[in-house]
Amino acid sequence: MAQSFRCYLAGDIRPDNWRQKVLQRFLNREGIEFLFPQTGFSYEERSLAQTERYRTGYQVADLLKVDQADVVLAVIEKDSPSAYSGTSAEIGYAKAKGKYIILVKEPTTHLYGFIKRISNIVFDKLDDALAHLEDIWEEMTIRGIK
């Protein structure tokens, strides 16, 4: 059996907004798996989130998920604090690991220029990025790569 095509969903960890839209769009597709920062950790548990051990744990877990991914879909929403911290770090790490990076940046969102430049492709709208992700997944499926 072929390995699944894996996509890491990098972005703000607020209760799920855009990630649900991604899952809905790919609901009936076989052979694609989405990896989430939230998997295995409760960011809502503030007592745990305050400890260095917990922060180190979820940071390492997130980077391991990037390692497992074929593609990183990074979404930076307006007023997202992750534009300057976690998501940017994940994008840089993904680039260093040779991952294909799809960045969605709302037009009014400020973002460091190098984050846009190191991404393989940048979109203003999530729907456009998802259409691109579908194209990649379909091409890999046709070629039997995944």
Protein backbone atom coordinates (compact mmCIF):
# COMPACT_ATOMS: atom_id res chain seq x y z
CA MET A 1 0.00 0.00 0.00
CA ALA A 2 1.32 3.46 -0.91
CA GLN A 3 2.22 5.92 1.79
CA SER A 4 -0.16 8.82 2.34
CA PHE A 5 0.61 12.28 1.04
CA ARG A 6 1.14 14.34 4.18
CA CYS A 7 0.48 18.02 4.67
CA TYR A 8 1.37 19.89 7.85
CA LEU A 9 -1.09 22.69 8.67
CA ALA A 10 0.96 25.49 10.23
CA GLY A 11 -0.79 28.49 11.71
CA ASP A 12 -2.44 30.00 14.71
CA ILE A 13 -3.70 27.45 17.21
CA ARG A 14 -6.90 29.25 18.08
CA PRO A 15 -9.93 26.95 18.05
CA ASP A 16 -10.14 25.72 14.58
CA ASN A 17 -11.12 28.11 11.98
CA TRP A 18 -9.43 27.51 8.62
CA ARG A 19 -8.28 23.95 9.37
CA GLN A 20 -11.90 22.75 9.35
CA LYS A 21 -12.29 24.19 5.85
CA VAL A 22 -9.22 22.25 4.71
CA LEU A 23 -10.55 19.00 6.15
CA GLN A 24 -13.97 19.53 4.56
CA ARG A 25 -12.42 20.14 1.14
CA PHE A 26 -10.40 16.91 1.28
CA LEU A 27 -12.98 14.85 3.19
CA ASN A 28 -13.51 12.11 0.59
CA ARG A 29 -9.96 11.96 -0.74
CA GLU A 30 -7.93 8.86 -0.12
CA GLY A 31 -4.21 8.96 0.44
CA ILE A 32 -3.90 12.39 2.00
CA GLU A 33 -3.18 12.96 5.67
CA PHE A 34 -3.13 16.25 7.54
CA LEU A 35 -0.80 16.83 10.46
CA PHE A 36 -1.77 19.41 13.10
CA PRO A 37 0.22 21.31 15.72
CA GLN A 38 -2.56 20.51 18.21
CA THR A 39 -2.35 16.73 17.86
CA GLY A 40 -1.22 15.22 21.14
CA PHE A 41 -1.18 18.46 23.11
CA SER A 42 -3.79 20.59 24.80
CA TYR A 43 -2.79 24.20 24.33
CA GLU A 44 -5.79 25.13 26.45
CA GLU A 45 -4.26 23.74 29.62
CA ARG A 46 -2.68 26.96 30.83
CA SER A 47 -1.05 25.38 33.87
CA LEU A 48 0.89 23.01 31.65
CA ALA A 49 1.59 25.64 29.01
CA GLN A 50 3.46 27.69 31.58
CA THR A 51 6.13 25.08 32.15
CA GLU A 52 9.30 24.99 30.08
CA ARG A 53 9.07 21.21 29.81
CA TYR A 54 5.63 21.43 28.23
CA ARG A 55 6.64 24.20 25.80
CA THR A 56 9.71 22.24 24.75
CA GLY A 57 7.55 19.14 24.27
CA TYR A 58 5.08 20.72 21.89
CA GLN A 59 7.77 22.62 20.01
CA VAL A 60 9.70 19.42 19.34
CA ALA A 61 6.48 17.58 18.42
CA ASP A 62 5.55 20.30 15.92
CA LEU A 63 8.96 20.12 14.22
CA LEU A 64 8.75 16.32 14.04
CA LYS A 65 5.41 16.71 12.25
CA VAL A 66 7.05 19.09 9.77
CA ASP A 67 9.70 16.39 9.21
CA GLN A 68 6.95 13.88 8.36
CA ALA A 69 5.19 16.20 5.90
CA ASP A 70 5.58 16.36 2.14
CA VAL A 71 4.11 19.86 2.02
CA VAL A 72 3.57 22.61 4.58
CA LEU A 73 0.45 24.75 4.26
CA ALA A 74 1.04 27.83 6.43
CA VAL A 75 -1.81 30.23 7.06
CA ILE A 76 -1.14 33.61 8.62
CA GLU A 77 -4.34 35.38 9.47
CA LYS A 78 -4.86 39.05 10.19
CA ASP A 79 -3.84 39.93 13.76
CA SER A 80 -2.30 36.51 14.30
CA PRO A 81 0.46 36.52 16.92
CA SER A 82 1.91 33.41 15.27
CA ALA A 83 3.09 35.50 12.31
CA TYR A 84 6.11 36.43 14.39
CA SER A 85 6.70 33.28 16.37
CA GLY A 86 5.62 29.67 15.91
CA THR A 87 4.38 29.72 12.33
CA SER A 88 7.37 31.71 11.11
CA ALA A 89 9.71 29.30 12.89
CA GLU A 90 7.92 26.33 11.32
CA ILE A 91 8.21 27.91 7.85
CA GLY A 92 11.95 28.48 8.34
CA TYR A 93 12.44 24.94 9.62
CA ALA A 94 10.44 23.52 6.71
CA LYS A 95 12.58 25.44 4.23
CA ALA A 96 15.77 24.13 5.84
CA LYS A 97 14.37 20.60 5.51
CA GLY A 98 13.58 21.07 1.83
CA LYS A 99 9.80 21.01 2.21
CA TYR A 100 7.46 22.63 -0.30
CA ILE A 101 5.80 25.58 1.42
CA ILE A 102 2.42 27.03 0.48
CA LEU A 103 1.83 30.31 2.32
CA VAL A 104 -1.54 31.99 2.73
CA LYS A 105 -1.26 35.56 3.91
CA GLU A 106 -4.29 37.80 4.13
CA PRO A 107 -3.60 41.00 2.16
CA THR A 108 -3.75 43.26 5.21
CA THR A 109 -1.47 41.07 7.32
CA HIS A 110 2.03 42.36 8.01
CA LEU A 111 4.66 39.70 7.61
CA TYR A 112 8.42 39.66 7.49
CA GLY A 113 9.48 39.77 3.84
CA PHE A 114 11.84 36.83 4.13
CA ILE A 115 8.97 34.53 5.15
CA LYS A 116 7.24 35.30 1.85
CA ARG A 117 10.48 34.91 -0.12
CA ILE A 118 11.38 31.50 1.31
CA SER A 119 7.89 30.13 0.66
CA ASN A 120 7.52 28.33 -2.66
CA ILE A 121 4.23 30.03 -3.45
CA VAL A 122 2.13 32.71 -1.73
CA PHE A 123 -1.63 33.21 -1.91
CA ASP A 124 -3.96 35.86 -0.48
CA LYS A 125 -6.89 33.44 -0.21
CA LEU A 126 -7.15 30.01 1.39
CA ASP A 127 -9.34 28.69 -1.45
CA ASP A 128 -6.62 29.46 -4.00
CA ALA A 129 -4.01 27.68 -1.87
CA LEU A 130 -6.30 24.65 -1.48
CA ALA A 131 -6.78 24.46 -5.25
CA HIS A 132 -2.97 24.45 -5.60
CA LEU A 133 -2.65 21.75 -2.93
CA GLU A 134 -5.26 19.66 -4.79
CA ASP A 135 -3.23 20.00 -7.99
CA ILE A 136 -0.07 18.79 -6.22
CA TRP A 137 -1.90 15.87 -4.58
CA GLU A 138 -3.55 14.85 -7.88
CA GLU A 139 -0.26 15.00 -9.78
CA MET A 140 1.49 12.88 -7.16
CA THR A 141 -1.41 10.42 -7.20
CA ILE A 142 -1.40 10.14 -11.02
CA ARG A 143 2.35 9.55 -11.02
CA GLY A 144 2.08 7.01 -8.21
CA ILE A 145 4.51 8.96 -6.05
CA LYS A 146 2.30 8.68 -2.97
